[in-house]
Amino acid sequence: ALQDPVFYFHSITANIICSIVFGKRFDYRDPQFLRLLELLFKSFVLISSLSSQLFELYSSFLKHFPGSHRQIYKNLQEVNGFIDRSVEKHRETLDPSAPRDFIDCYLLRMEKDKSDPRSQFDHRNLIMSSLSLFFAGTETTSTTLRYGFLLMLKYPHIAERVHKEIDQVIGSDRPPALDDRAQMPYTDAVIHEIQRFADLIPIGVPHMVIKDTHFRGYILPKGTEVYPILSSALHDSRYFEKPDDFNPAHFLDASGAVKKNDAFMPFSIGKRICLGEGIARTELFLFFTTILQNFSVASPVAPEDIDLTPQESGVGNVPPKYQIQFLPRQRG
């Protein structure tokens, strides 16, 4: 049957974060879990809108007026409340000799540092760190998967090559493993190109200068926000032959091996690179290959008529809504 893939990709990625933060996985019909997914998804769509981009630029003025920023704040406060209640339950059942998850480990560090006035391990930072893990770990990976399968519908010949490589390297008798990635250069290149083409966070995540800094003839005063503008690198024609086209060859050398590209930076750059890069790359490979090992994908829309234009394009790029059919693969 045709279906909107948002819920499925959202659920599998969110439950991984739930297992890390809360030490438990939720049933996909759990009302609390469904509400959490709804709040995260709606917030990401709102944050990605043009109005939110304008608010980011003129927040000192626009904060006095109604707009999407107020709904985003309301949504995230509700998520914070959910996390806060979980923290209190963890306090009541905490066993210092057997921490169960991120919250337990953080509470133990708070207790260890309670006499240190310089410590930043406090209750507020626990809530905000958990929220950051949720938001960054759920929305980015699930949205990348949605883009990825939309691109497989648009370019079925690429999906077919991925199927072929999966069959050759993994077969059908076992699930994919992370070690398989080294033997699957084409699939790895496809996933890299999905991330590059999706350009999920075009302006990157802002960081703040911690002291007055001289940079290329400019002075950046302490406290200045700096945006890396990742889109300018991911679409640089000096590094990608056809930056506006989806082309896995951008990441393959003449022999068909994966090649490094210095302009590939979907996780940002520098010391403050995305903390979740490792888990995100693992999830993308395992989810993508497991699904395509077991299913072919189909669309009611002809490949040439599939529109890749983002639904929202601002702070984030949100793929257009689409319907997909997962068809069990027939093996001879």
C-alpha atoms as a PDB file:
ATOM      1  CA  ALA A   1       0.000   0.000   0.000  1.00  0.00           C
ATOM      2  CA  LEU A   2       1.069   3.563  -0.628  1.00  0.00           C
ATOM      3  CA  GLN A   3       2.084   5.463   2.486  1.00  0.00           C
ATOM      4  CA  ASP A   4       3.675   8.657   3.712  1.00  0.00           C
ATOM      5  CA  PRO A   5       7.095   7.572   5.084  1.00  0.00           C
ATOM      6  CA  VAL A   6       7.365  10.374   7.674  1.00  0.00           C
ATOM      7  CA  PHE A   7       6.003   8.363  10.621  1.00  0.00           C
ATOM      8  CA  TYR A   8       8.124   5.272   9.995  1.00  0.00           C
ATOM      9  CA  PHE A   9      11.445   7.042   9.564  1.00  0.00           C
ATOM     10  CA  HIS A  10      10.653   9.341  12.466  1.00  0.00           C
ATOM     11  CA  SER A  11       9.778   6.441  14.754  1.00  0.00           C
ATOM     12  CA  ILE A  12      12.839   4.299  14.133  1.00  0.00           C
ATOM     13  CA  THR A  13      15.268   7.182  14.611  1.00  0.00           C
ATOM     14  CA  ALA A  14      13.474   8.628  17.654  1.00  0.00           C
ATOM     15  CA  ASN A  15      13.390   5.265  19.414  1.00  0.00           C
ATOM     16  CA  ILE A  16      17.163   4.952  19.138  1.00  0.00           C
ATOM     17  CA  ILE A  17      17.526   8.322  20.883  1.00  0.00           C
ATOM     18  CA  CYS A  18      14.941   7.217  23.472  1.00  0.00           C
ATOM     19  CA  SER A  19      17.023   4.129  24.250  1.00  0.00           C
ATOM     20  CA  ILE A  20      20.123   6.309  24.724  1.00  0.00           C
ATOM     21  CA  VAL A  21      18.501   9.093  26.772  1.00  0.00           C
ATOM     22  CA  PHE A  22      15.741   7.248  28.668  1.00  0.00           C
ATOM     23  CA  GLY A  23      17.065   3.688  28.550  1.00  0.00           C
ATOM     24  CA  LYS A  24      13.832   2.430  26.969  1.00  0.00           C
ATOM     25  CA  ARG A  25      12.115   2.048  23.625  1.00  0.00           C
ATOM     26  CA  PHE A  26       8.486   3.048  23.099  1.00  0.00           C
ATOM     27  CA  ASP A  27       5.730   1.127  21.392  1.00  0.00           C
ATOM     28  CA  TYR A  28       4.899   2.934  18.143  1.00  0.00           C
ATOM     29  CA  ARG A  29       1.296   3.327  19.361  1.00  0.00           C
ATOM     30  CA  ASP A  30       2.248   4.844  22.729  1.00  0.00           C
ATOM     31  CA  PRO A  31       0.371   8.198  23.039  1.00  0.00           C
ATOM     32  CA  GLN A  32       3.323   9.914  24.749  1.00  0.00           C
ATOM     33  CA  PHE A  33       5.712   8.740  22.037  1.00  0.00           C
ATOM     34  CA  LEU A  34       3.340   9.842  19.277  1.00  0.00           C
ATOM     35  CA  ARG A  35       2.980  13.278  20.865  1.00  0.00           C
ATOM     36  CA  LEU A  36       6.760  13.602  21.166  1.00  0.00           C
ATOM     37  CA  LEU A  37       7.181  12.770  17.467  1.00  0.00           C
ATOM     38  CA  GLU A  38       4.492  15.275  16.511  1.00  0.00           C
ATOM     39  CA  LEU A  39       6.119  18.084  18.500  1.00  0.00           C
ATOM     40  CA  LEU A  40       9.593  17.416  17.078  1.00  0.00           C
ATOM     41  CA  PHE A  41       8.382  17.155  13.484  1.00  0.00           C
ATOM     42  CA  LYS A  42       6.199  20.276  13.617  1.00  0.00           C
ATOM     43  CA  SER A  43       8.995  22.253  15.270  1.00  0.00           C
ATOM     44  CA  PHE A  44      11.518  21.270  12.586  1.00  0.00           C
ATOM     45  CA  VAL A  45       9.098  22.275   9.814  1.00  0.00           C
ATOM     46  CA  LEU A  46       8.466  25.622  11.519  1.00  0.00           C
ATOM     47  CA  ILE A  47      12.180  26.215  12.149  1.00  0.00           C
ATOM     48  CA  SER A  48      12.847  25.485   8.470  1.00  0.00           C
ATOM     49  CA  SER A  49      10.310  28.046   7.269  1.00  0.00           C
ATOM     50  CA  LEU A  50      11.168  31.448   5.817  1.00  0.00           C
ATOM     51  CA  SER A  51       9.452  33.208   8.721  1.00  0.00           C
ATOM     52  CA  SER A  52      11.808  31.512  11.185  1.00  0.00           C
ATOM     53  CA  GLN A  53      14.796  32.526   9.099  1.00  0.00           C
ATOM     54  CA  LEU A  54      13.619  36.135   9.221  1.00  0.00           C
ATOM     55  CA  PHE A  55      13.085  35.830  12.974  1.00  0.00           C
ATOM     56  CA  GLU A  56      16.659  34.557  13.387  1.00  0.00           C
ATOM     57  CA  LEU A  57      17.931  37.681  11.614  1.00  0.00           C
ATOM     58  CA  TYR A  58      15.666  40.208  13.355  1.00  0.00           C
ATOM     59  CA  SER A  59      14.794  38.496  16.635  1.00  0.00           C
ATOM     60  CA  SER A  60      15.355  41.580  18.818  1.00  0.00           C
ATOM     61  CA  PHE A  61      12.511  43.302  16.953  1.00  0.00           C
ATOM     62  CA  LEU A  62      10.233  40.440  15.881  1.00  0.00           C
ATOM     63  CA  LYS A  63      10.119  38.755  19.302  1.00  0.00           C
ATOM     64  CA  HIS A  64       7.499  41.321  20.314  1.00  0.00           C
ATOM     65  CA  PHE A  65       5.102  40.126  17.587  1.00  0.00           C
ATOM     66  CA  PRO A  66       3.132  36.906  17.070  1.00  0.00           C
ATOM     67  CA  GLY A  67       4.599  34.337  14.706  1.00  0.00           C
ATOM     68  CA  SER A  68       5.912  30.809  14.280  1.00  0.00           C
ATOM     69  CA  HIS A  69       8.663  31.434  16.852  1.00  0.00           C
ATOM     70  CA  ARG A  70       6.061  31.414  19.612  1.00  0.00           C
ATOM     71  CA  GLN A  71       4.671  28.043  18.506  1.00  0.00           C
ATOM     72  CA  ILE A  72       8.187  26.604  18.300  1.00  0.00           C
ATOM     73  CA  TYR A  73       8.877  27.810  21.854  1.00  0.00           C
ATOM     74  CA  LYS A  74       5.582  26.309  23.058  1.00  0.00           C
ATOM     75  CA  ASN A  75       6.331  22.969  21.365  1.00  0.00           C
ATOM     76  CA  LEU A  76       9.843  22.719  22.780  1.00  0.00           C
ATOM     77  CA  GLN A  77       8.637  23.655  26.268  1.00  0.00           C
ATOM     78  CA  GLU A  78       6.264  20.687  26.102  1.00  0.00           C
ATOM     79  CA  VAL A  79       9.147  18.418  25.065  1.00  0.00           C
ATOM     80  CA  ASN A  80      11.205  19.834  27.949  1.00  0.00           C
ATOM     81  CA  GLY A  81       8.354  18.976  30.321  1.00  0.00           C
ATOM     82  CA  PHE A  82       8.371  15.397  29.037  1.00  0.00           C
ATOM     83  CA  ILE A  83      12.128  15.158  29.628  1.00  0.00           C
ATOM     84  CA  ASP A  84      11.858  16.822  33.055  1.00  0.00           C
ATOM     85  CA  ARG A  85       9.296  14.263  34.255  1.00  0.00           C
ATOM     86  CA  SER A  86      11.551  11.455  33.072  1.00  0.00           C
ATOM     87  CA  VAL A  87      14.511  12.974  34.944  1.00  0.00           C
ATOM     88  CA  GLU A  88      12.510  12.987  38.186  1.00  0.00           C
ATOM     89  CA  LYS A  89      11.603   9.305  37.710  1.00  0.00           C
ATOM     90  CA  HIS A  90      15.281   8.557  37.128  1.00  0.00           C
ATOM     91  CA  ARG A  91      16.235  10.364  40.357  1.00  0.00           C
ATOM     92  CA  GLU A  92      13.827   8.172  42.320  1.00  0.00           C
ATOM     93  CA  THR A  93      15.208   4.909  40.899  1.00  0.00           C
ATOM     94  CA  LEU A  94      18.879   5.806  40.394  1.00  0.00           C
ATOM     95  CA  ASP A  95      21.414   3.104  41.275  1.00  0.00           C
ATOM     96  CA  PRO A  96      24.896   4.706  41.296  1.00  0.00           C
ATOM     97  CA  SER A  97      26.519   1.323  40.671  1.00  0.00           C
ATOM     98  CA  ALA A  98      24.463   0.593  37.542  1.00  0.00           C
ATOM     99  CA  PRO A  99      23.658   3.655  35.400  1.00  0.00           C
ATOM    100  CA  ARG A 100      21.070   2.773  32.755  1.00  0.00           C
ATOM    101  CA  ASP A 101      21.306   5.608  30.250  1.00  0.00           C
ATOM    102  CA  PHE A 102      22.376   9.184  29.496  1.00  0.00           C
ATOM    103  CA  ILE A 103      20.153  10.700  32.205  1.00  0.00           C
ATOM    104  CA  ASP A 104      21.558   8.400  34.912  1.00  0.00           C
ATOM    105  CA  CYS A 105      25.147   9.174  33.879  1.00  0.00           C
ATOM    106  CA  TYR A 106      24.430  12.902  33.881  1.00  0.00           C
ATOM    107  CA  LEU A 107      22.786  12.760  37.337  1.00  0.00           C
ATOM    108  CA  LEU A 108      25.821  10.941  38.717  1.00  0.00           C
ATOM    109  CA  ARG A 109      28.136  13.604  37.265  1.00  0.00           C
ATOM    110  CA  MET A 110      25.936  16.336  38.789  1.00  0.00           C
ATOM    111  CA  GLU A 111      26.296  14.678  42.178  1.00  0.00           C
ATOM    112  CA  LYS A 112      30.069  14.368  41.763  1.00  0.00           C
ATOM    113  CA  ASP A 113      30.443  18.046  40.820  1.00  0.00           C
ATOM    114  CA  LYS A 114      27.896  19.521  43.233  1.00  0.00           C
ATOM    115  CA  SER A 115      30.598  21.244  45.313  1.00  0.00           C
ATOM    116  CA  ASP A 116      32.284  22.763  42.236  1.00  0.00           C
ATOM    117  CA  PRO A 117      30.800  26.226  41.528  1.00  0.00           C
ATOM    118  CA  ARG A 118      32.318  26.201  38.033  1.00  0.00           C
ATOM    119  CA  SER A 119      30.619  22.975  37.007  1.00  0.00           C
ATOM    120  CA  GLN A 120      28.145  23.228  34.145  1.00  0.00           C
ATOM    121  CA  PHE A 121      26.563  19.876  34.986  1.00  0.00           C
ATOM    122  CA  ASP A 122      23.267  21.146  36.352  1.00  0.00           C
ATOM    123  CA  HIS A 123      19.574  20.366  35.943  1.00  0.00           C
ATOM    124  CA  ARG A 124      18.945  22.947  33.232  1.00  0.00           C
ATOM    125  CA  ASN A 125      21.846  21.708  31.117  1.00  0.00           C
ATOM    126  CA  LEU A 126      20.630  18.129  31.545  1.00  0.00           C
ATOM    127  CA  ILE A 127      17.239  19.097  30.104  1.00  0.00           C
ATOM    128  CA  MET A 128      18.758  21.124  27.271  1.00  0.00           C
ATOM    129  CA  SER A 129      21.347  18.446  26.428  1.00  0.00           C
ATOM    130  CA  SER A 130      18.609  15.816  26.251  1.00  0.00           C
ATOM    131  CA  LEU A 131      16.520  18.098  24.043  1.00  0.00           C
ATOM    132  CA  SER A 132      19.514  18.673  21.761  1.00  0.00           C
ATOM    133  CA  LEU A 133      20.083  14.924  21.463  1.00  0.00           C
ATOM    134  CA  PHE A 134      16.437  14.416  20.580  1.00  0.00           C
ATOM    135  CA  PHE A 135      16.151  17.208  18.093  1.00  0.00           C
ATOM    136  CA  ALA A 136      19.491  16.670  16.372  1.00  0.00           C
ATOM    137  CA  GLY A 137      19.367  12.879  16.532  1.00  0.00           C
ATOM    138  CA  THR A 138      15.803  12.399  15.350  1.00  0.00           C
ATOM    139  CA  GLU A 139      14.951  15.106  12.834  1.00  0.00           C
ATOM    140  CA  THR A 140      18.182  15.154  10.853  1.00  0.00           C
ATOM    141  CA  THR A 141      18.457  11.395  10.312  1.00  0.00           C
ATOM    142  CA  SER A 142      14.766  10.813   9.604  1.00  0.00           C
ATOM    143  CA  THR A 143      14.635  13.745   7.166  1.00  0.00           C
ATOM    144  CA  THR A 144      17.769  12.490   5.385  1.00  0.00           C
ATOM    145  CA  LEU A 145      16.130   9.071   4.985  1.00  0.00           C
ATOM    146  CA  ARG A 146      13.012  10.703   3.552  1.00  0.00           C
ATOM    147  CA  TYR A 147      15.148  12.578   1.044  1.00  0.00           C
ATOM    148  CA  GLY A 148      17.072   9.394   0.286  1.00  0.00           C
ATOM    149  CA  PHE A 149      14.052   7.300  -0.634  1.00  0.00           C
ATOM    150  CA  LEU A 150      12.496  10.147  -2.601  1.00  0.00           C
ATOM    151  CA  LEU A 151      15.717  10.201  -4.629  1.00  0.00           C
ATOM    152  CA  MET A 152      15.533   6.411  -5.113  1.00  0.00           C
ATOM    153  CA  LEU A 153      12.035   6.897  -6.564  1.00  0.00           C
ATOM    154  CA  LYS A 154      13.335   9.662  -8.822  1.00  0.00           C
ATOM    155  CA  TYR A 155      16.353   7.646  -9.974  1.00  0.00           C
ATOM    156  CA  PRO A 156      15.347   3.941 -10.024  1.00  0.00           C
ATOM    157  CA  HIS A 157      18.512   2.953 -11.923  1.00  0.00           C
ATOM    158  CA  ILE A 158      20.542   4.082  -8.903  1.00  0.00           C
ATOM    159  CA  ALA A 159      18.319   2.082  -6.537  1.00  0.00           C
ATOM    160  CA  GLU A 160      18.834  -0.950  -8.785  1.00  0.00           C
ATOM    161  CA  ARG A 161      22.626  -0.626  -8.544  1.00  0.00           C
ATOM    162  CA  VAL A 162      22.332  -0.437  -4.749  1.00  0.00           C
ATOM    163  CA  HIS A 163      20.163  -3.586  -4.786  1.00  0.00           C
ATOM    164  CA  LYS A 164      22.795  -5.359  -6.872  1.00  0.00           C
ATOM    165  CA  GLU A 165      25.635  -4.399  -4.528  1.00  0.00           C
ATOM    166  CA  ILE A 166      23.615  -5.465  -1.481  1.00  0.00           C
ATOM    167  CA  ASP A 167      22.909  -8.854  -3.084  1.00  0.00           C
ATOM    168  CA  GLN A 168      26.579  -9.352  -3.966  1.00  0.00           C
ATOM    169  CA  VAL A 169      28.061  -8.342  -0.614  1.00  0.00           C
ATOM    170  CA  ILE A 170      25.380  -9.193   1.965  1.00  0.00           C
ATOM    171  CA  GLY A 171      22.928 -11.513   0.257  1.00  0.00           C
ATOM    172  CA  SER A 172      19.550 -12.283   1.800  1.00  0.00           C
ATOM    173  CA  ASP A 173      20.432 -14.687   4.623  1.00  0.00           C
ATOM    174  CA  ARG A 174      21.598 -12.103   7.173  1.00  0.00           C
ATOM    175  CA  PRO A 175      20.959  -8.451   8.012  1.00  0.00           C
ATOM    176  CA  PRO A 176      23.482  -5.773   6.994  1.00  0.00           C
ATOM    177  CA  ALA A 177      26.317  -5.028   9.411  1.00  0.00           C
ATOM    178  CA  LEU A 178      28.401  -1.889   9.732  1.00  0.00           C
ATOM    179  CA  ASP A 179      31.492  -3.817   8.616  1.00  0.00           C
ATOM    180  CA  ASP A 180      29.829  -4.291   5.209  1.00  0.00           C
ATOM    181  CA  ARG A 181      30.209  -0.603   4.395  1.00  0.00           C
ATOM    182  CA  ALA A 182      33.883  -0.980   3.465  1.00  0.00           C
ATOM    183  CA  GLN A 183      32.925  -3.517   0.773  1.00  0.00           C
ATOM    184  CA  MET A 184      30.042  -1.426  -0.597  1.00  0.00           C
ATOM    185  CA  PRO A 185      31.570   1.677  -2.209  1.00  0.00           C
ATOM    186  CA  TYR A 186      28.619   2.455  -4.485  1.00  0.00           C
ATOM    187  CA  THR A 187      26.058   2.326  -1.667  1.00  0.00           C
ATOM    188  CA  ASP A 188      28.371   4.406   0.534  1.00  0.00           C
ATOM    189  CA  ALA A 189      28.736   6.974  -2.267  1.00  0.00           C
ATOM    190  CA  VAL A 190      24.942   7.084  -2.728  1.00  0.00           C
ATOM    191  CA  ILE A 191      24.444   7.834   0.987  1.00  0.00           C
ATOM    192  CA  HIS A 192      27.119  10.552   0.861  1.00  0.00           C
ATOM    193  CA  GLU A 193      25.420  12.082  -2.173  1.00  0.00           C
ATOM    194  CA  ILE A 194      22.002  11.956  -0.478  1.00  0.00           C
ATOM    195  CA  GLN A 195      23.438  13.988   2.403  1.00  0.00           C
ATOM    196  CA  ARG A 196      25.138  16.441   0.058  1.00  0.00           C
ATOM    197  CA  PHE A 197      22.131  16.897  -2.211  1.00  0.00           C
ATOM    198  CA  ALA A 198      19.637  17.175   0.669  1.00  0.00           C
ATOM    199  CA  ASP A 199      21.722  19.991   2.195  1.00  0.00           C
ATOM    200  CA  LEU A 200      19.669  19.590   5.339  1.00  0.00           C
ATOM    201  CA  ILE A 201      20.945  22.560   7.374  1.00  0.00           C
ATOM    202  CA  PRO A 202      22.107  25.063   4.704  1.00  0.00           C
ATOM    203  CA  ILE A 203      23.438  27.738   7.047  1.00  0.00           C
ATOM    204  CA  GLY A 204      24.736  25.264   9.612  1.00  0.00           C
ATOM    205  CA  VAL A 205      24.391  25.492  13.375  1.00  0.00           C
ATOM    206  CA  PRO A 206      25.625  28.786  14.860  1.00  0.00           C
ATOM    207  CA  HIS A 207      28.578  28.888  17.201  1.00  0.00           C
ATOM    208  CA  MET A 208      29.779  31.760  19.361  1.00  0.00           C
ATOM    209  CA  VAL A 209      33.200  33.387  19.518  1.00  0.00           C
ATOM    210  CA  ILE A 210      34.465  33.057  23.110  1.00  0.00           C
ATOM    211  CA  LYS A 211      36.971  35.913  22.835  1.00  0.00           C
ATOM    212  CA  ASP A 212      37.774  38.804  20.493  1.00  0.00           C
ATOM    213  CA  THR A 213      39.107  37.128  17.355  1.00  0.00           C
ATOM    214  CA  HIS A 214      41.023  38.457  14.341  1.00  0.00           C
ATOM    215  CA  PHE A 215      40.075  36.683  11.114  1.00  0.00           C
ATOM    216  CA  ARG A 216      41.201  37.693   7.612  1.00  0.00           C
ATOM    217  CA  GLY A 217      41.424  41.364   8.464  1.00  0.00           C
ATOM    218  CA  TYR A 218      38.183  41.445  10.458  1.00  0.00           C
ATOM    219  CA  ILE A 219      37.637  41.641  14.194  1.00  0.00           C
ATOM    220  CA  LEU A 220      34.955  39.321  15.572  1.00  0.00           C
ATOM    221  CA  PRO A 221      34.050  40.608  19.059  1.00  0.00           C
ATOM    222  CA  LYS A 222      33.525  38.124  21.874  1.00  0.00           C
ATOM    223  CA  GLY A 223      29.963  36.758  21.729  1.00  0.00           C
ATOM    224  CA  THR A 224      29.608  37.075  17.943  1.00  0.00           C
ATOM    225  CA  GLU A 225      27.513  34.287  16.381  1.00  0.00           C
ATOM    226  CA  VAL A 226      29.243  32.547  13.471  1.00  0.00           C
ATOM    227  CA  TYR A 227      27.401  30.527  10.813  1.00  0.00           C
ATOM    228  CA  PRO A 228      29.448  28.127   8.642  1.00  0.00           C
ATOM    229  CA  ILE A 229      27.049  28.266   5.590  1.00  0.00           C
ATOM    230  CA  LEU A 230      27.449  24.569   4.767  1.00  0.00           C
ATOM    231  CA  SER A 231      25.441  24.940   1.565  1.00  0.00           C
ATOM    232  CA  SER A 232      28.229  26.951  -0.067  1.00  0.00           C
ATOM    233  CA  ALA A 233      30.601  24.002   0.363  1.00  0.00           C
ATOM    234  CA  LEU A 234      28.116  21.247  -0.518  1.00  0.00           C
ATOM    235  CA  HIS A 235      27.305  22.985  -3.827  1.00  0.00           C
ATOM    236  CA  ASP A 236      30.809  24.174  -4.723  1.00  0.00           C
ATOM    237  CA  SER A 237      31.465  23.407  -8.405  1.00  0.00           C
ATOM    238  CA  ARG A 238      35.208  23.286  -7.720  1.00  0.00           C
ATOM    239  CA  TYR A 239      34.642  20.101  -5.725  1.00  0.00           C
ATOM    240  CA  PHE A 240      31.474  18.676  -7.281  1.00  0.00           C
ATOM    241  CA  GLU A 241      31.323  18.497 -11.064  1.00  0.00           C
ATOM    242  CA  LYS A 242      27.543  18.925 -11.233  1.00  0.00           C
ATOM    243  CA  PRO A 243      26.595  20.377  -7.840  1.00  0.00           C
ATOM    244  CA  ASP A 244      22.903  20.817  -8.656  1.00  0.00           C
ATOM    245  CA  ASP A 245      22.493  17.215  -9.859  1.00  0.00           C
ATOM    246  CA  PHE A 246      22.153  14.042  -7.809  1.00  0.00           C
ATOM    247  CA  ASN A 247      25.214  12.062  -8.851  1.00  0.00           C
ATOM    248  CA  PRO A 248      26.894   9.408  -6.634  1.00  0.00           C
ATOM    249  CA  ALA A 249      29.968   9.657  -8.897  1.00  0.00           C
ATOM    250  CA  HIS A 250      30.836  12.801  -6.925  1.00  0.00           C
ATOM    251  CA  PHE A 251      32.184  10.387  -4.294  1.00  0.00           C
ATOM    252  CA  LEU A 252      33.740   7.698  -6.507  1.00  0.00           C
ATOM    253  CA  ASP A 253      37.175   7.637  -8.112  1.00  0.00           C
ATOM    254  CA  ALA A 254      38.016   6.164 -11.523  1.00  0.00           C
ATOM    255  CA  SER A 255      38.367   2.671 -10.040  1.00  0.00           C
ATOM    256  CA  GLY A 256      34.957   2.807  -8.335  1.00  0.00           C
ATOM    257  CA  ALA A 257      36.335   3.258  -4.812  1.00  0.00           C
ATOM    258  CA  VAL A 258      34.953   5.874  -2.425  1.00  0.00           C
ATOM    259  CA  LYS A 259      36.984   9.075  -2.561  1.00  0.00           C
ATOM    260  CA  LYS A 260      37.289  11.709   0.135  1.00  0.00           C
ATOM    261  CA  ASN A 261      35.982  15.160  -0.709  1.00  0.00           C
ATOM    262  CA  ASP A 262      37.048  18.087   1.474  1.00  0.00           C
ATOM    263  CA  ALA A 263      33.848  19.997   0.668  1.00  0.00           C
ATOM    264  CA  PHE A 264      31.626  17.243   2.101  1.00  0.00           C
ATOM    265  CA  MET A 265      30.685  18.663   5.478  1.00  0.00           C
ATOM    266  CA  PRO A 266      27.021  17.933   6.330  1.00  0.00           C
ATOM    267  CA  PHE A 267      28.066  17.564   9.982  1.00  0.00           C
ATOM    268  CA  SER A 268      29.833  20.965   9.959  1.00  0.00           C
ATOM    269  CA  ILE A 269      33.567  21.413  10.574  1.00  0.00           C
ATOM    270  CA  GLY A 270      36.080  22.162  13.295  1.00  0.00           C
ATOM    271  CA  LYS A 271      36.305  21.132  16.931  1.00  0.00           C
ATOM    272  CA  ARG A 272      32.575  21.665  17.428  1.00  0.00           C
ATOM    273  CA  ILE A 273      31.580  19.288  14.631  1.00  0.00           C
ATOM    274  CA  CYS A 274      28.251  17.501  15.152  1.00  0.00           C
ATOM    275  CA  LEU A 275      28.567  15.243  18.198  1.00  0.00           C
ATOM    276  CA  GLY A 276      26.198  12.714  16.630  1.00  0.00           C
ATOM    277  CA  GLU A 277      28.109  12.184  13.379  1.00  0.00           C
ATOM    278  CA  GLY A 278      29.097   8.633  14.272  1.00  0.00           C
ATOM    279  CA  ILE A 279      25.636   7.425  15.217  1.00  0.00           C
ATOM    280  CA  ALA A 280      24.021   9.286  12.300  1.00  0.00           C
ATOM    281  CA  ARG A 281      26.339   7.674   9.728  1.00  0.00           C
ATOM    282  CA  THR A 282      25.730   4.268  11.310  1.00  0.00           C
ATOM    283  CA  GLU A 283      21.955   4.701  11.277  1.00  0.00           C
ATOM    284  CA  LEU A 284      21.864   5.945   7.692  1.00  0.00           C
ATOM    285  CA  PHE A 285      23.890   2.995   6.404  1.00  0.00           C
ATOM    286  CA  LEU A 286      22.047   0.299   8.355  1.00  0.00           C
ATOM    287  CA  PHE A 287      18.525   1.641   7.775  1.00  0.00           C
ATOM    288  CA  PHE A 288      19.119   2.377   4.089  1.00  0.00           C
ATOM    289  CA  THR A 289      20.678  -0.998   3.294  1.00  0.00           C
ATOM    290  CA  THR A 290      18.285  -3.045   5.447  1.00  0.00           C
ATOM    291  CA  ILE A 291      15.242  -1.522   3.760  1.00  0.00           C
ATOM    292  CA  LEU A 292      16.653  -1.944   0.248  1.00  0.00           C
ATOM    293  CA  GLN A 293      17.834  -5.476   1.038  1.00  0.00           C
ATOM    294  CA  ASN A 294      14.235  -6.464   1.693  1.00  0.00           C
ATOM    295  CA  PHE A 295      12.153  -4.094  -0.419  1.00  0.00           C
ATOM    296  CA  SER A 296      11.929  -2.419  -3.773  1.00  0.00           C
ATOM    297  CA  VAL A 297      10.290   1.005  -3.788  1.00  0.00           C
ATOM    298  CA  ALA A 298       7.575   2.319  -6.069  1.00  0.00           C
ATOM    299  CA  SER A 299       5.678   5.567  -6.565  1.00  0.00           C
ATOM    300  CA  PRO A 300       2.353   6.456  -8.203  1.00  0.00           C
ATOM    301  CA  VAL A 301       4.238   9.299  -9.899  1.00  0.00           C
ATOM    302  CA  ALA A 302       6.513   8.669 -12.889  1.00  0.00           C
ATOM    303  CA  PRO A 303      10.208   9.267 -12.045  1.00  0.00           C
ATOM    304  CA  GLU A 304      10.496  12.187 -14.460  1.00  0.00           C
ATOM    305  CA  ASP A 305       7.516  13.891 -12.768  1.00  0.00           C
ATOM    306  CA  ILE A 306       8.803  13.578  -9.191  1.00  0.00           C
ATOM    307  CA  ASP A 307       9.523  17.044  -7.793  1.00  0.00           C
ATOM    308  CA  LEU A 308      12.519  17.365  -5.458  1.00  0.00           C
ATOM    309  CA  THR A 309      11.813  20.995  -4.481  1.00  0.00           C
ATOM    310  CA  PRO A 310      11.873  21.306  -0.658  1.00  0.00           C
ATOM    311  CA  GLN A 311       8.571  21.824   1.137  1.00  0.00           C
ATOM    312  CA  GLU A 312      10.344  24.366   3.328  1.00  0.00           C
ATOM    313  CA  SER A 313      13.750  25.912   2.731  1.00  0.00           C
ATOM    314  CA  GLY A 314      15.154  28.211   5.378  1.00  0.00           C
ATOM    315  CA  VAL A 315      17.203  27.275   8.414  1.00  0.00           C
ATOM    316  CA  GLY A 316      16.542  23.685   7.299  1.00  0.00           C
ATOM    317  CA  ASN A 317      15.463  21.970   4.094  1.00  0.00           C
ATOM    318  CA  VAL A 318      12.334  19.831   4.442  1.00  0.00           C
ATOM    319  CA  PRO A 319      11.630  17.400   1.573  1.00  0.00           C
ATOM    320  CA  PRO A 320       8.268  17.588  -0.202  1.00  0.00           C
ATOM    321  CA  LYS A 321       5.510  15.245   0.922  1.00  0.00           C
ATOM    322  CA  TYR A 322       5.278  12.070  -1.116  1.00  0.00           C
ATOM    323  CA  GLN A 323       3.760   8.595  -1.171  1.00  0.00           C
ATOM    324  CA  ILE A 324       5.890   5.460  -1.382  1.00  0.00           C
ATOM    325  CA  GLN A 325       5.175   1.755  -1.689  1.00  0.00           C
ATOM    326  CA  PHE A 326       7.544  -0.827  -0.204  1.00  0.00           C
ATOM    327  CA  LEU A 327       7.362  -4.033  -2.249  1.00  0.00           C
ATOM    328  CA  PRO A 328       8.922  -7.253  -0.882  1.00  0.00           C
ATOM    329  CA  ARG A 329      11.771  -8.189  -3.186  1.00  0.00           C
ATOM    330  CA  GLN A 330      11.392 -11.323  -5.273  1.00  0.00           C
ATOM    331  CA  ARG A 331      14.557 -13.410  -5.321  1.00  0.00           C
ATOM    332  CA  GLY A 332      15.090 -16.226  -7.741  1.00  0.00           C
END
